[in-house]
Amino acid sequence: MFLLAKKNLLAQKGRTILTTIGVAIGTASLLGILAFSNGLRTAVIESITNKGSLTQLTVRPKAGEAGFLRSFTQLSENSLKPEDLKKLQQLNHVEATYPQINYENLSSLPIPPLGQSFQTDSMIFGLPFELLEEDLIRPELANNSSEEPYPAIISRRIVDLYNVTVAPTNSLPSFKEEDISGIEFIVLPGQSTFLPQFSSEGPSRKARVVGFSTKVDLVGITLPIDVVRQLNQEADPNYEEKYPKIFLEVDEETNVPIVAEQIESLGYITSSAQEEIQIFEQNFRIITVGLSMISLIILFVSGLTIANTFLSAVNERKEEIGILRAVGATRTHIQKIFLTEAALLGLIGGISGTIIAYLAGFAVDAIALASFPDVSHKPETLLVYDLPTIIGIIIFAVILSTVFAFIPATRAAHLKPLEALSE
């Protein structure tokens, strides 16, 4: 059966090649879309988890969504208090809490990049560095936070923004995080370049870059929480501690939604990497389905081509069918011959499409990544192929070809020998 089907396909090389190309194009497009979906999903999830592990929760006050402006204008009624922190610490499944405090005053930084010195305003944030251990490039410089220079962590997004926008537009070289880790700079608490009328003279402080993180706020530097607490007490002896947000570490990933529900019932707002991933996957699933439908339409058109090819083959091969029936071939045998030919076309087209998608993926990946901005955690690839998907698509191509050839094969099987030979 197989050899006869193979012989028949080779006898009509032109038609076989064109039909195979149609199946291969549909298969390649479907595999390419799925590979891109897998790659993009992997990159986005990795980016989300870099902002916090799947066991972390971030808690904010209900009315504290404009965190930066509210902190800057010292609207303390929209911050969490020590009593709120105690409530969170007492919740089941909460293993650790990491409160953030802000320097409750203006501050600025004289920055001397590339030999040109300028001064800019900056927020100062305070966090327990236990939360940021994985983000420390120079951990040996962060051990002693009680003496100057203070260890400072900068938002990783600042480096990305500089490399993507500032450096290209000003013909400046881009830099990596390792290039500026360990650099010392001056912090001027109580001073401002934007609002000098509200500035107060105070002692300058030395700080040193020891790491970069996506967990910290964008517009400012993050120092150890004890340092910022001390700065606040120096600026205001009556300072009362408050937290714009608190990070929680939950014992297990499965308990994160449970803890989040408990926290929200207390009147707080929560966010987590798990929640972001769920929202992303819900939205991305719709996009993936839409793109896959386009590829399925291409495959469907290829299936119609297969059906038309075999309908024509039935008309052209009536004499052959009649001879086979005359020498004892049953209807089932005739049907199997045509279906085997269709399955071979689907198999060859599916394998060819897979090879095309894989080879084209290298070129597309190289071009896309070459034009990709020089940012941290740049994905190594935008296309992720996995063996189960490849095998599944090839099998799908075989099934699709067989299904669309079923009606022509059935028609061929029901031809009567005398009618087939007489035409």
Protein backbone atom coordinates (compact mmCIF):
# COMPACT_ATOMS: atom_id res chain seq x y z
CA MET A 1 0.00 0.00 0.00
CA PHE A 2 2.74 2.40 0.98
CA LEU A 3 4.91 1.61 -2.05
CA LEU A 4 2.00 2.00 -4.43
CA ALA A 5 1.05 5.34 -2.87
CA LYS A 6 4.67 6.49 -3.13
CA LYS A 7 4.81 5.44 -6.79
CA ASN A 8 1.64 7.35 -7.58
CA LEU A 9 2.95 10.54 -5.95
CA LEU A 10 6.25 10.31 -7.84
CA ALA A 11 4.35 9.84 -11.09
CA GLN A 12 2.79 13.29 -10.62
CA LYS A 13 5.85 15.21 -9.35
CA GLY A 14 4.66 18.68 -10.27
CA ARG A 15 1.30 18.34 -8.58
CA THR A 16 2.87 16.63 -5.56
CA ILE A 17 5.45 19.39 -5.09
CA LEU A 18 2.88 22.20 -5.35
CA THR A 19 0.52 20.50 -2.90
CA THR A 20 3.38 19.81 -0.48
CA ILE A 21 4.47 23.46 -0.64
CA GLY A 22 0.97 24.55 0.36
CA VAL A 23 1.00 22.26 3.40
CA ALA A 24 4.54 23.34 4.28
CA ILE A 25 3.63 27.05 4.21
CA GLY A 26 0.66 26.49 6.50
CA THR A 27 2.71 24.33 8.86
CA ALA A 28 5.62 26.79 8.94
CA SER A 29 3.35 29.75 9.70
CA LEU A 30 1.56 27.91 12.50
CA LEU A 31 4.81 26.69 14.07
CA GLY A 32 6.39 30.14 13.72
CA ILE A 33 3.48 31.82 15.49
CA LEU A 34 3.48 29.26 18.31
CA ALA A 35 7.28 29.55 18.69
CA PHE A 36 7.02 33.34 18.86
CA SER A 37 4.21 33.06 21.39
CA ASN A 38 6.27 30.73 23.56
CA GLY A 39 9.32 33.00 23.32
CA LEU A 40 7.41 36.16 24.10
CA ARG A 41 5.60 34.50 26.99
CA THR A 42 8.88 33.28 28.44
CA ALA A 43 10.49 36.73 28.13
CA VAL A 44 7.55 38.58 29.70
CA ILE A 45 7.18 36.13 32.59
CA GLU A 46 10.92 36.35 33.24
CA SER A 47 10.63 40.15 33.27
CA ILE A 48 7.73 40.00 35.73
CA THR A 49 9.45 37.56 38.07
CA ASN A 50 12.54 39.78 38.08
CA LYS A 51 10.42 42.38 39.92
CA GLY A 52 9.61 39.90 42.66
CA SER A 53 9.44 36.19 43.29
CA LEU A 54 6.19 34.27 42.97
CA THR A 55 5.95 34.15 46.78
CA GLN A 56 6.06 37.93 47.23
CA LEU A 57 3.20 40.37 47.71
CA THR A 58 3.28 44.16 47.66
CA VAL A 59 0.83 45.94 49.98
CA ARG A 60 -0.23 49.58 49.56
CA PRO A 61 -2.80 51.79 51.30
CA LYS A 62 -6.19 52.01 49.59
CA ALA A 63 -5.78 55.70 48.71
CA GLY A 64 -2.08 55.52 47.97
CA GLU A 65 -2.07 54.73 44.27
CA ALA A 66 -0.28 58.00 43.39
CA GLY A 67 2.63 56.95 45.56
CA PHE A 68 5.33 59.24 44.17
CA LEU A 69 3.35 62.48 44.38
CA ARG A 70 1.89 61.63 47.75
CA SER A 71 5.31 60.83 49.18
CA PHE A 72 6.80 63.96 47.66
CA THR A 73 4.12 66.23 49.14
CA GLN A 74 4.20 64.36 52.45
CA LEU A 75 0.56 63.33 52.52
CA SER A 76 1.11 60.92 55.37
CA GLU A 77 -2.54 60.07 55.78
CA ASN A 78 -2.22 57.90 52.67
CA SER A 79 0.62 55.80 54.05
CA LEU A 80 0.73 52.62 56.07
CA LYS A 81 1.56 52.93 59.76
CA PRO A 82 3.51 50.70 62.17
CA GLU A 83 0.21 49.28 63.41
CA ASP A 84 -0.61 48.24 59.84
CA LEU A 85 2.76 46.51 59.65
CA LYS A 86 1.97 44.54 62.83
CA LYS A 87 -1.36 43.40 61.38
CA LEU A 88 0.37 42.09 58.28
CA GLN A 89 3.06 40.34 60.31
CA GLN A 90 0.39 38.43 62.23
CA LEU A 91 -1.31 36.98 59.14
CA ASN A 92 -1.06 33.26 58.48
CA HIS A 93 1.51 32.12 55.91
CA VAL A 94 3.45 35.44 56.09
CA GLU A 95 7.10 34.61 56.71
CA ALA A 96 8.69 38.07 56.46
CA THR A 97 7.80 41.73 55.94
CA TYR A 98 9.94 44.39 54.29
CA PRO A 99 8.56 47.91 54.82
CA GLN A 100 9.67 50.81 52.62
CA ILE A 101 10.12 54.29 54.02
CA ASN A 102 10.81 57.46 52.06
CA TYR A 103 12.98 60.40 52.96
CA GLU A 104 10.31 62.96 53.85
CA ASN A 105 12.12 65.93 52.33
CA LEU A 106 13.65 67.21 49.14
CA SER A 107 17.01 65.86 48.02
CA SER A 108 19.36 66.09 45.06
CA LEU A 109 22.39 64.36 43.60
CA PRO A 110 25.44 65.94 41.94
CA ILE A 111 26.26 63.46 39.17
CA PRO A 112 29.53 63.57 37.17
CA PRO A 113 28.94 61.21 34.22
CA LEU A 114 31.45 61.18 31.39
CA GLY A 115 33.32 64.18 32.75
CA GLN A 116 30.29 66.53 32.74
CA SER A 117 28.92 67.41 36.16
CA PHE A 118 25.29 68.31 36.78
CA GLN A 119 22.85 68.17 39.67
CA THR A 120 19.39 66.63 39.66
CA ASP A 121 16.61 66.16 42.18
CA SER A 122 16.04 62.65 43.44
CA MET A 123 13.88 60.74 45.87
CA ILE A 124 15.53 58.69 48.59
CA PHE A 125 13.91 55.40 49.50
CA GLY A 126 14.71 53.03 52.32
CA LEU A 127 14.32 49.24 52.24
CA PRO A 128 15.72 46.31 54.21
CA PHE A 129 18.51 45.03 51.99
CA GLU A 130 17.51 41.44 52.82
CA LEU A 131 14.79 41.95 50.21
CA LEU A 132 17.37 42.94 47.59
CA GLU A 133 20.11 40.38 48.19
CA GLU A 134 19.75 38.84 44.73
CA ASP A 135 20.18 42.28 43.11
CA LEU A 136 23.50 43.13 44.74
CA ILE A 137 26.39 43.21 42.28
CA ARG A 138 28.85 44.23 45.00
CA PRO A 139 27.50 42.48 48.11
CA GLU A 140 30.80 42.95 49.94
CA LEU A 141 30.20 46.73 49.84
CA ALA A 142 26.70 46.44 51.30
CA ASN A 143 27.59 44.67 54.52
CA ASN A 144 28.24 47.80 56.56
CA SER A 145 25.35 50.26 56.15
CA SER A 146 26.00 52.30 59.31
CA GLU A 147 28.96 54.21 57.92
CA GLU A 148 29.52 56.28 54.80
CA PRO A 149 29.64 55.69 51.94
CA TYR A 150 26.16 54.24 52.22
CA PRO A 151 25.34 51.30 49.92
CA ALA A 152 22.86 52.40 47.27
CA ILE A 153 20.70 50.44 44.84
CA ILE A 154 19.44 52.04 41.64
CA SER A 155 16.43 51.06 39.57
CA ARG A 156 17.46 48.82 36.69
CA ARG A 157 14.95 50.67 34.51
CA ILE A 158 17.00 53.88 34.85
CA VAL A 159 19.94 52.16 33.18
CA ASP A 160 17.65 50.84 30.44
CA LEU A 161 16.13 54.30 29.85
CA TYR A 162 19.59 55.84 29.58
CA ASN A 163 20.82 53.21 27.12
CA VAL A 164 17.66 53.36 24.99
CA THR A 165 16.90 57.10 24.95
CA VAL A 166 19.63 59.35 26.40
CA ALA A 167 22.74 57.66 25.02
CA PRO A 168 21.61 57.35 21.34
CA THR A 169 20.13 60.85 21.10
CA ASN A 170 23.20 62.52 22.65
CA SER A 171 25.85 60.36 20.95
CA LEU A 172 26.94 59.00 24.31
CA PRO A 173 28.18 55.47 24.92
CA SER A 174 25.86 53.02 26.62
CA PHE A 175 27.03 51.21 29.71
CA LYS A 176 26.36 48.03 31.59
CA GLU A 177 25.50 47.75 35.25
CA GLU A 178 28.96 46.39 36.01
CA ASP A 179 30.50 49.58 34.59
CA ILE A 180 29.06 51.80 37.32
CA SER A 181 28.81 49.39 40.23
CA GLY A 182 31.11 50.55 43.02
CA ILE A 183 31.04 54.21 41.89
CA GLU A 184 30.72 56.72 44.74
CA PHE A 185 28.54 59.84 44.57
CA ILE A 186 27.24 62.63 46.82
CA VAL A 187 23.72 62.82 48.24
CA LEU A 188 22.39 66.23 49.32
CA PRO A 189 19.42 65.66 51.66
CA GLY A 190 17.19 68.70 52.04
CA GLN A 191 18.32 70.41 48.83
CA SER A 192 16.54 70.83 45.49
CA THR A 193 17.35 72.21 42.06
CA PHE A 194 13.67 72.49 41.09
CA LEU A 195 12.36 74.09 44.29
CA PRO A 196 15.32 75.95 45.81
CA GLN A 197 13.02 78.16 47.88
CA PHE A 198 12.06 75.12 49.98
CA SER A 199 15.58 73.73 50.28
CA SER A 200 17.39 73.56 53.58
CA GLU A 201 21.15 73.38 53.94
CA GLY A 202 22.35 70.12 55.44
CA PRO A 203 25.40 67.90 55.51
CA SER A 204 26.20 66.04 52.33
CA ARG A 205 26.37 62.27 52.40
CA LYS A 206 28.43 59.83 50.43
CA ALA A 207 26.87 56.78 48.80
CA ARG A 208 28.14 54.00 46.58
CA VAL A 209 26.35 51.94 43.91
CA VAL A 210 26.24 48.29 44.99
CA GLY A 211 23.39 46.91 42.87
CA PHE A 212 20.45 47.37 40.52
CA SER A 213 16.90 46.14 40.97
CA THR A 214 13.45 46.25 39.41
CA LYS A 215 11.87 46.10 42.87
CA VAL A 216 12.92 49.64 43.81
CA ASP A 217 11.20 52.85 42.70
CA LEU A 218 12.26 54.45 39.44
CA VAL A 219 12.91 58.10 40.36
CA GLY A 220 15.49 57.90 43.08
CA ILE A 221 18.05 55.84 44.97
CA THR A 222 17.38 53.18 47.57
CA LEU A 223 19.45 53.10 50.76
CA PRO A 224 19.25 50.76 53.76
CA ILE A 225 16.11 51.46 55.76
CA ASP A 226 18.06 52.40 58.90
CA VAL A 227 19.95 55.10 56.99
CA VAL A 228 16.76 56.72 55.67
CA ARG A 229 15.16 56.43 59.10
CA GLN A 230 18.12 58.34 60.54
CA LEU A 231 17.92 61.02 57.81
CA ASN A 232 14.23 61.55 58.59
CA GLN A 233 14.93 61.91 62.31
CA GLU A 234 17.68 64.45 61.62
CA ALA A 235 15.34 66.49 59.40
CA ASP A 236 12.41 66.27 61.84
CA PRO A 237 12.87 65.22 65.51
CA ASN A 238 9.12 64.54 65.65
CA TYR A 239 9.25 62.21 62.66
CA GLU A 240 6.67 59.41 62.77
CA GLU A 241 7.45 56.40 60.65
CA LYS A 242 5.13 55.53 57.78
CA TYR A 243 5.34 53.25 54.78
CA PRO A 244 4.15 53.93 51.22
CA LYS A 245 4.29 50.17 50.64
CA ILE A 246 5.27 46.94 52.36
CA PHE A 247 6.67 43.81 50.72
CA LEU A 248 5.57 40.44 52.12
CA GLU A 249 7.19 37.05 51.75
CA VAL A 250 4.63 34.21 51.76
CA ASP A 251 5.64 30.67 52.72
CA GLU A 252 4.35 28.98 49.52
CA GLU A 253 3.25 30.09 46.05
CA THR A 254 -0.15 28.44 46.47
CA ASN A 255 -0.84 30.55 49.56
CA VAL A 256 -0.23 33.90 47.85
CA PRO A 257 -3.86 34.32 46.65
CA ILE A 258 -5.12 33.36 50.12
CA VAL A 259 -2.93 35.95 51.83
CA ALA A 260 -3.84 38.57 49.21
CA GLU A 261 -7.54 37.99 49.86
CA GLN A 262 -7.01 38.38 53.63
CA ILE A 263 -5.06 41.62 53.12
CA GLU A 264 -7.65 43.12 50.78
CA SER A 265 -10.39 42.29 53.31
CA LEU A 266 -8.48 44.53 55.74
CA GLY A 267 -8.80 47.45 53.31
CA TYR A 268 -5.40 47.40 51.62
CA ILE A 269 -4.37 47.04 47.99
CA THR A 270 -2.17 44.12 46.94
CA SER A 271 -0.19 43.23 43.85
CA SER A 272 2.01 40.27 43.03
CA ALA A 273 4.02 38.69 40.23
CA GLN A 274 1.48 35.85 40.17
CA GLU A 275 -1.35 38.29 39.51
CA GLU A 276 0.59 40.07 36.76
CA ILE A 277 1.40 36.75 35.10
CA GLN A 278 -2.25 35.67 35.23
CA ILE A 279 -3.43 38.94 33.66
CA PHE A 280 -0.74 38.72 30.98
CA GLU A 281 -1.56 35.11 30.12
CA GLN A 282 -5.28 35.84 29.88
CA ASN A 283 -4.69 38.69 27.43
CA PHE A 284 -1.91 36.95 25.55
CA ARG A 285 -3.96 33.78 25.14
CA ILE A 286 -6.49 35.78 23.10
CA ILE A 287 -3.73 37.16 20.86
CA THR A 288 -2.20 33.72 20.39
CA VAL A 289 -5.55 32.19 19.48
CA GLY A 290 -6.16 34.97 16.94
CA LEU A 291 -2.77 34.50 15.28
CA SER A 292 -3.15 30.73 15.32
CA MET A 293 -6.52 31.05 13.60
CA ILE A 294 -4.81 32.87 10.73
CA SER A 295 -2.38 29.98 10.34
CA LEU A 296 -5.21 27.48 10.56
CA ILE A 297 -6.95 29.31 7.74
CA ILE A 298 -3.79 28.94 5.66
CA LEU A 299 -3.74 25.24 6.48
CA PHE A 300 -7.44 25.00 5.65
CA VAL A 301 -6.76 26.52 2.23
CA SER A 302 -3.97 23.96 1.82
CA GLY A 303 -6.50 21.27 2.73
CA LEU A 304 -8.86 22.51 0.03
CA THR A 305 -5.96 22.29 -2.41
CA ILE A 306 -5.42 18.69 -1.35
CA ALA A 307 -9.11 17.91 -1.84
CA ASN A 308 -9.06 19.49 -5.30
CA THR A 309 -5.83 17.64 -6.17
CA PHE A 310 -7.29 14.27 -5.29
CA LEU A 311 -10.63 14.97 -6.98
CA SER A 312 -8.67 15.65 -10.17
CA ALA A 313 -6.56 12.54 -9.55
CA VAL A 314 -9.67 10.40 -9.28
CA ASN A 315 -10.91 11.60 -12.68
CA GLU A 316 -7.48 11.09 -14.26
CA ARG A 317 -6.90 7.67 -12.72
CA LYS A 318 -10.26 6.03 -13.41
CA GLU A 319 -8.67 3.46 -15.69
CA GLU A 320 -6.10 2.55 -13.02
CA ILE A 321 -8.87 2.29 -10.41
CA GLY A 322 -10.93 0.09 -12.75
CA ILE A 323 -7.98 -2.27 -13.35
CA LEU A 324 -7.31 -2.55 -9.61
CA ARG A 325 -10.95 -3.34 -8.92
CA ALA A 326 -11.00 -5.86 -11.79
CA VAL A 327 -8.03 -7.77 -10.39
CA GLY A 328 -9.61 -8.04 -6.94
CA ALA A 329 -8.93 -4.80 -5.08
CA THR A 330 -11.78 -3.94 -2.73
CA ARG A 331 -13.27 -0.53 -2.13
CA THR A 332 -11.36 -0.38 1.12
CA HIS A 333 -8.08 -1.02 -0.71
CA ILE A 334 -8.76 1.81 -3.17
CA GLN A 335 -9.70 4.18 -0.37
CA LYS A 336 -6.58 3.28 1.62
CA ILE A 337 -4.35 3.96 -1.40
CA PHE A 338 -5.63 7.52 -1.76
CA LEU A 339 -5.62 8.18 1.98
CA THR A 340 -2.05 6.88 2.24
CA GLU A 341 -1.02 9.26 -0.55
CA ALA A 342 -2.67 12.13 1.33
CA ALA A 343 -0.98 11.13 4.59
CA LEU A 344 2.40 11.07 2.84
CA LEU A 345 1.76 14.55 1.43
CA GLY A 346 0.84 15.78 4.90
CA LEU A 347 3.90 14.14 6.46
CA ILE A 348 6.31 15.54 3.87
CA GLY A 349 4.64 18.97 4.02
CA GLY A 350 4.63 18.97 7.82
CA ILE A 351 8.30 18.04 8.08
CA SER A 352 9.25 20.53 5.34
CA GLY A 353 7.25 23.29 7.07
CA THR A 354 8.96 22.52 10.37
CA ILE A 355 12.40 22.79 8.75
CA ILE A 356 11.42 26.04 7.01
CA ALA A 357 10.08 27.54 10.25
CA TYR A 358 13.18 26.47 12.17
CA LEU A 359 15.64 27.89 9.62
CA ALA A 360 13.64 31.07 9.08
CA GLY A 361 13.44 31.44 12.86
CA PHE A 362 17.22 31.81 13.10
CA ALA A 363 17.19 34.66 10.60
CA VAL A 364 14.18 36.42 12.13
CA ASP A 365 15.60 35.99 15.63
CA ALA A 366 18.99 37.41 14.66
CA ILE A 367 17.48 40.44 12.89
CA ALA A 368 14.99 41.14 15.69
CA LEU A 369 17.53 40.86 18.51
CA ALA A 370 20.05 42.97 16.60
CA SER A 371 17.55 45.84 16.55
CA PHE A 372 16.41 45.14 20.11
CA PRO A 373 17.31 47.91 22.62
CA ASP A 374 20.37 47.31 24.78
CA VAL A 375 18.46 46.70 28.01
CA SER A 376 18.99 44.52 31.03
CA HIS A 377 17.67 40.96 30.89
CA LYS A 378 17.57 41.07 27.11
CA PRO A 379 16.02 37.79 25.92
CA GLU A 380 18.40 35.34 24.28
CA THR A 381 15.77 34.37 21.73
CA LEU A 382 12.31 35.48 20.69
CA LEU A 383 11.38 32.08 19.27
CA VAL A 384 11.09 29.02 21.49
CA TYR A 385 10.52 25.65 19.79
CA ASP A 386 9.58 22.63 21.83
CA LEU A 387 9.51 19.03 20.64
CA PRO A 388 5.89 18.22 21.65
CA THR A 389 4.62 21.20 19.63
CA ILE A 390 6.69 20.24 16.58
CA ILE A 391 5.50 16.63 16.68
CA GLY A 392 1.92 17.75 17.27
CA ILE A 393 1.96 20.09 14.27
CA ILE A 394 3.37 17.39 11.97
CA ILE A 395 0.69 14.94 13.14
CA PHE A 396 -1.93 17.66 12.64
CA ALA A 397 -0.71 18.21 9.06
CA VAL A 398 -1.01 14.47 8.35
CA ILE A 399 -4.52 14.30 9.84
CA LEU A 400 -5.63 17.44 7.99
CA SER A 401 -4.41 16.10 4.65
CA THR A 402 -6.10 12.76 5.27
CA VAL A 403 -9.40 14.38 6.25
CA PHE A 404 -9.53 16.57 3.15
CA ALA A 405 -8.67 13.60 0.94
CA PHE A 406 -11.38 11.42 2.48
CA ILE A 407 -14.22 12.47 0.15
CA PRO A 408 -12.17 12.04 -3.06
CA ALA A 409 -10.86 8.68 -1.74
CA THR A 410 -14.40 7.55 -0.97
CA ARG A 411 -15.52 8.62 -4.42
CA ALA A 412 -12.68 6.63 -5.99
CA ALA A 413 -13.56 3.58 -3.89
CA HIS A 414 -17.17 3.62 -5.09
CA LEU A 415 -16.32 3.68 -8.78
CA LYS A 416 -17.59 0.51 -10.46
CA PRO A 417 -14.94 -1.38 -12.47
CA LEU A 418 -16.92 -1.43 -15.71
CA GLU A 419 -17.78 2.29 -15.51
CA ALA A 420 -14.15 3.18 -14.70
CA LEU A 421 -12.76 1.14 -17.60
CA SER A 422 -15.33 2.34 -20.09
CA GLU A 423 -14.40 6.01 -19.63
